[in-house]
Amino acid sequence: TNRPREAEPLIAKAVVLYEDLSREFPNVKAYQFFLAMALQLHGDVLRDIDRLAESREAIQRAIDQQEMYLKAIPNAGFGKSVLARQKQSLSETLTLLGELDEAAEATRQAEEIRASIKQPSM
């Protein structure tokens, strides 16, 4: 909607919903995936409204959640691409926070993930 201030509380509710679903149904991996995506979206919106520390926290939680998802489903190419996007999103927030070395590392990790997706499995 291009109205991040209005969207933020709604996305925060989605995060809580997916947290509850993930906790109640831990074997439904889709809920873990959707939680990770909701956390990243929340972090992106928080960045858009200049709540950078909260953005960093939400995106890092998204990355942690996505990594847990990928441990359960390691060959999920789309899941890996989502993780790469989350790492890039973290880099954007870190850059705005002035954490340039950490931002560069997050970008490097995102690129490494993308390269691993393009390589054929052996």
C-alpha atoms as a PDB file:
ATOM      1  CA  THR A   1       0.000   0.000   0.000  1.00  0.00           C
ATOM      2  CA  ASN A   2       3.054   2.253   0.310  1.00  0.00           C
ATOM      3  CA  ARG A   3       1.784   3.224   3.768  1.00  0.00           C
ATOM      4  CA  PRO A   4       4.273   1.524   6.098  1.00  0.00           C
ATOM      5  CA  ARG A   5       3.076   3.293   9.261  1.00  0.00           C
ATOM      6  CA  GLU A   6      -0.412   1.911   8.719  1.00  0.00           C
ATOM      7  CA  ALA A   7       0.874  -1.515   7.705  1.00  0.00           C
ATOM      8  CA  GLU A   8       3.261  -1.995  10.633  1.00  0.00           C
ATOM      9  CA  PRO A   9       0.723  -2.923  13.341  1.00  0.00           C
ATOM     10  CA  LEU A  10      -1.032  -5.328  10.973  1.00  0.00           C
ATOM     11  CA  ILE A  11       2.227  -7.054  10.080  1.00  0.00           C
ATOM     12  CA  ALA A  12       3.112  -7.227  13.780  1.00  0.00           C
ATOM     13  CA  LYS A  13      -0.182  -9.085  14.315  1.00  0.00           C
ATOM     14  CA  ALA A  14       0.708 -11.512  11.514  1.00  0.00           C
ATOM     15  CA  VAL A  15       4.022 -12.226  13.247  1.00  0.00           C
ATOM     16  CA  VAL A  16       2.196 -13.045  16.488  1.00  0.00           C
ATOM     17  CA  LEU A  17      -0.264 -15.263  14.621  1.00  0.00           C
ATOM     18  CA  TYR A  18       2.522 -17.256  12.943  1.00  0.00           C
ATOM     19  CA  GLU A  19       4.457 -17.468  16.216  1.00  0.00           C
ATOM     20  CA  ASP A  20       1.385 -18.994  17.852  1.00  0.00           C
ATOM     21  CA  LEU A  21       0.794 -21.397  14.964  1.00  0.00           C
ATOM     22  CA  SER A  22       4.454 -22.460  14.889  1.00  0.00           C
ATOM     23  CA  ARG A  23       4.412 -23.107  18.613  1.00  0.00           C
ATOM     24  CA  GLU A  24       1.091 -24.981  18.553  1.00  0.00           C
ATOM     25  CA  PHE A  25       1.907 -27.018  15.430  1.00  0.00           C
ATOM     26  CA  PRO A  26       5.711 -27.445  15.360  1.00  0.00           C
ATOM     27  CA  ASN A  27       5.526 -30.216  12.752  1.00  0.00           C
ATOM     28  CA  VAL A  28       3.851 -27.942  10.194  1.00  0.00           C
ATOM     29  CA  LYS A  29       6.976 -26.522   8.588  1.00  0.00           C
ATOM     30  CA  ALA A  30       4.952 -24.111   6.458  1.00  0.00           C
ATOM     31  CA  TYR A  31       4.117 -22.123   9.606  1.00  0.00           C
ATOM     32  CA  GLN A  32       7.827 -21.764  10.349  1.00  0.00           C
ATOM     33  CA  PHE A  33       8.421 -20.579   6.800  1.00  0.00           C
ATOM     34  CA  PHE A  34       5.556 -18.076   6.944  1.00  0.00           C
ATOM     35  CA  LEU A  35       6.790 -16.821  10.325  1.00  0.00           C
ATOM     36  CA  ALA A  36      10.219 -16.149   8.837  1.00  0.00           C
ATOM     37  CA  MET A  37       8.658 -14.284   5.917  1.00  0.00           C
ATOM     38  CA  ALA A  38       6.388 -12.246   8.211  1.00  0.00           C
ATOM     39  CA  LEU A  39       9.355 -11.330  10.415  1.00  0.00           C
ATOM     40  CA  GLN A  40      11.328 -10.117   7.414  1.00  0.00           C
ATOM     41  CA  LEU A  41       8.396  -8.103   6.117  1.00  0.00           C
ATOM     42  CA  HIS A  42       7.993  -6.599   9.568  1.00  0.00           C
ATOM     43  CA  GLY A  43      11.689  -5.737   9.642  1.00  0.00           C
ATOM     44  CA  ASP A  44      11.467  -4.137   6.208  1.00  0.00           C
ATOM     45  CA  VAL A  45       8.502  -2.009   7.259  1.00  0.00           C
ATOM     46  CA  LEU A  46      10.222  -1.033  10.511  1.00  0.00           C
ATOM     47  CA  ARG A  47      13.209   0.099   8.424  1.00  0.00           C
ATOM     48  CA  ASP A  48      10.875   2.147   6.223  1.00  0.00           C
ATOM     49  CA  ILE A  49       9.589   4.021   9.278  1.00  0.00           C
ATOM     50  CA  ASP A  50      13.076   4.558  10.728  1.00  0.00           C
ATOM     51  CA  ARG A  51      12.812   2.090  13.592  1.00  0.00           C
ATOM     52  CA  LEU A  52      16.176   0.648  12.677  1.00  0.00           C
ATOM     53  CA  ALA A  53      17.088  -1.216  15.880  1.00  0.00           C
ATOM     54  CA  GLU A  54      13.736  -3.004  15.800  1.00  0.00           C
ATOM     55  CA  SER A  55      14.199  -3.680  12.094  1.00  0.00           C
ATOM     56  CA  ARG A  56      17.548  -5.326  12.753  1.00  0.00           C
ATOM     57  CA  GLU A  57      16.066  -7.490  15.503  1.00  0.00           C
ATOM     58  CA  ALA A  58      13.082  -8.607  13.397  1.00  0.00           C
ATOM     59  CA  ILE A  59      15.207  -9.438  10.355  1.00  0.00           C
ATOM     60  CA  GLN A  60      17.736 -11.338  12.460  1.00  0.00           C
ATOM     61  CA  ARG A  61      14.856 -13.334  13.940  1.00  0.00           C
ATOM     62  CA  ALA A  62      13.644 -13.999  10.385  1.00  0.00           C
ATOM     63  CA  ILE A  63      17.083 -15.318   9.446  1.00  0.00           C
ATOM     64  CA  ASP A  64      17.243 -17.518  12.541  1.00  0.00           C
ATOM     65  CA  GLN A  65      13.770 -18.874  11.809  1.00  0.00           C
ATOM     66  CA  GLN A  66      14.559 -19.497   8.139  1.00  0.00           C
ATOM     67  CA  GLU A  67      17.762 -21.314   9.043  1.00  0.00           C
ATOM     68  CA  MET A  68      15.765 -23.616  11.354  1.00  0.00           C
ATOM     69  CA  TYR A  69      13.307 -24.229   8.526  1.00  0.00           C
ATOM     70  CA  LEU A  70      16.162 -25.098   6.156  1.00  0.00           C
ATOM     71  CA  LYS A  71      17.612 -27.562   8.672  1.00  0.00           C
ATOM     72  CA  ALA A  72      14.307 -29.432   8.474  1.00  0.00           C
ATOM     73  CA  ILE A  73      14.028 -29.080   4.681  1.00  0.00           C
ATOM     74  CA  PRO A  74      17.624 -28.624   3.463  1.00  0.00           C
ATOM     75  CA  ASN A  75      16.958 -28.930  -0.281  1.00  0.00           C
ATOM     76  CA  ALA A  76      14.324 -26.199  -0.400  1.00  0.00           C
ATOM     77  CA  GLY A  77      15.736 -23.971  -3.140  1.00  0.00           C
ATOM     78  CA  PHE A  78      13.030 -21.371  -2.678  1.00  0.00           C
ATOM     79  CA  GLY A  79      13.709 -21.410   1.057  1.00  0.00           C
ATOM     80  CA  LYS A  80      17.372 -20.710   0.348  1.00  0.00           C
ATOM     81  CA  SER A  81      16.495 -17.807  -1.923  1.00  0.00           C
ATOM     82  CA  VAL A  82      14.306 -16.378   0.844  1.00  0.00           C
ATOM     83  CA  LEU A  83      17.247 -16.661   3.249  1.00  0.00           C
ATOM     84  CA  ALA A  84      19.451 -14.808   0.760  1.00  0.00           C
ATOM     85  CA  ARG A  85      16.865 -12.032   0.536  1.00  0.00           C
ATOM     86  CA  GLN A  86      16.686 -11.860   4.336  1.00  0.00           C
ATOM     87  CA  LYS A  87      20.471 -11.522   4.544  1.00  0.00           C
ATOM     88  CA  GLN A  88      20.335  -8.723   1.956  1.00  0.00           C
ATOM     89  CA  SER A  89      17.563  -7.014   3.905  1.00  0.00           C
ATOM     90  CA  LEU A  90      19.675  -7.220   7.061  1.00  0.00           C
ATOM     91  CA  SER A  91      22.542  -5.646   5.134  1.00  0.00           C
ATOM     92  CA  GLU A  92      20.316  -2.720   4.142  1.00  0.00           C
ATOM     93  CA  THR A  93      19.323  -2.089   7.765  1.00  0.00           C
ATOM     94  CA  LEU A  94      22.903  -2.486   9.008  1.00  0.00           C
ATOM     95  CA  THR A  95      24.071   0.028   6.416  1.00  0.00           C
ATOM     96  CA  LEU A  96      21.568   2.579   7.692  1.00  0.00           C
ATOM     97  CA  LEU A  97      22.762   1.866  11.240  1.00  0.00           C
ATOM     98  CA  GLY A  98      26.338   2.561  10.141  1.00  0.00           C
ATOM     99  CA  GLU A  99      27.410  -1.049  10.763  1.00  0.00           C
ATOM    100  CA  LEU A 100      29.240  -1.247   7.450  1.00  0.00           C
ATOM    101  CA  ASP A 101      31.451  -4.276   8.145  1.00  0.00           C
ATOM    102  CA  GLU A 102      28.473  -6.317   9.322  1.00  0.00           C
ATOM    103  CA  ALA A 103      26.467  -5.098   6.328  1.00  0.00           C
ATOM    104  CA  ALA A 104      29.210  -6.210   3.945  1.00  0.00           C
ATOM    105  CA  GLU A 105      29.326  -9.631   5.616  1.00  0.00           C
ATOM    106  CA  ALA A 106      25.549 -10.050   5.317  1.00  0.00           C
ATOM    107  CA  THR A 107      25.750  -9.137   1.620  1.00  0.00           C
ATOM    108  CA  ARG A 108      28.598 -11.624   1.131  1.00  0.00           C
ATOM    109  CA  GLN A 109      26.518 -14.347   2.777  1.00  0.00           C
ATOM    110  CA  ALA A 110      23.514 -13.499   0.584  1.00  0.00           C
ATOM    111  CA  GLU A 111      25.654 -13.745  -2.542  1.00  0.00           C
ATOM    112  CA  GLU A 112      27.150 -17.046  -1.361  1.00  0.00           C
ATOM    113  CA  ILE A 113      23.663 -18.490  -0.829  1.00  0.00           C
ATOM    114  CA  ARG A 114      22.543 -17.328  -4.275  1.00  0.00           C
ATOM    115  CA  ALA A 115      25.634 -18.883  -5.870  1.00  0.00           C
ATOM    116  CA  SER A 116      24.980 -22.190  -4.093  1.00  0.00           C
ATOM    117  CA  ILE A 117      21.455 -22.289  -5.492  1.00  0.00           C
ATOM    118  CA  LYS A 118      22.741 -21.873  -9.046  1.00  0.00           C
ATOM    119  CA  GLN A 119      25.273 -24.701  -8.729  1.00  0.00           C
ATOM    120  CA  PRO A 120      24.035 -28.168  -9.608  1.00  0.00           C
ATOM    121  CA  SER A 121      23.913 -30.662  -6.752  1.00  0.00           C
ATOM    122  CA  MET A 122      26.237 -33.637  -6.842  1.00  0.00           C
END
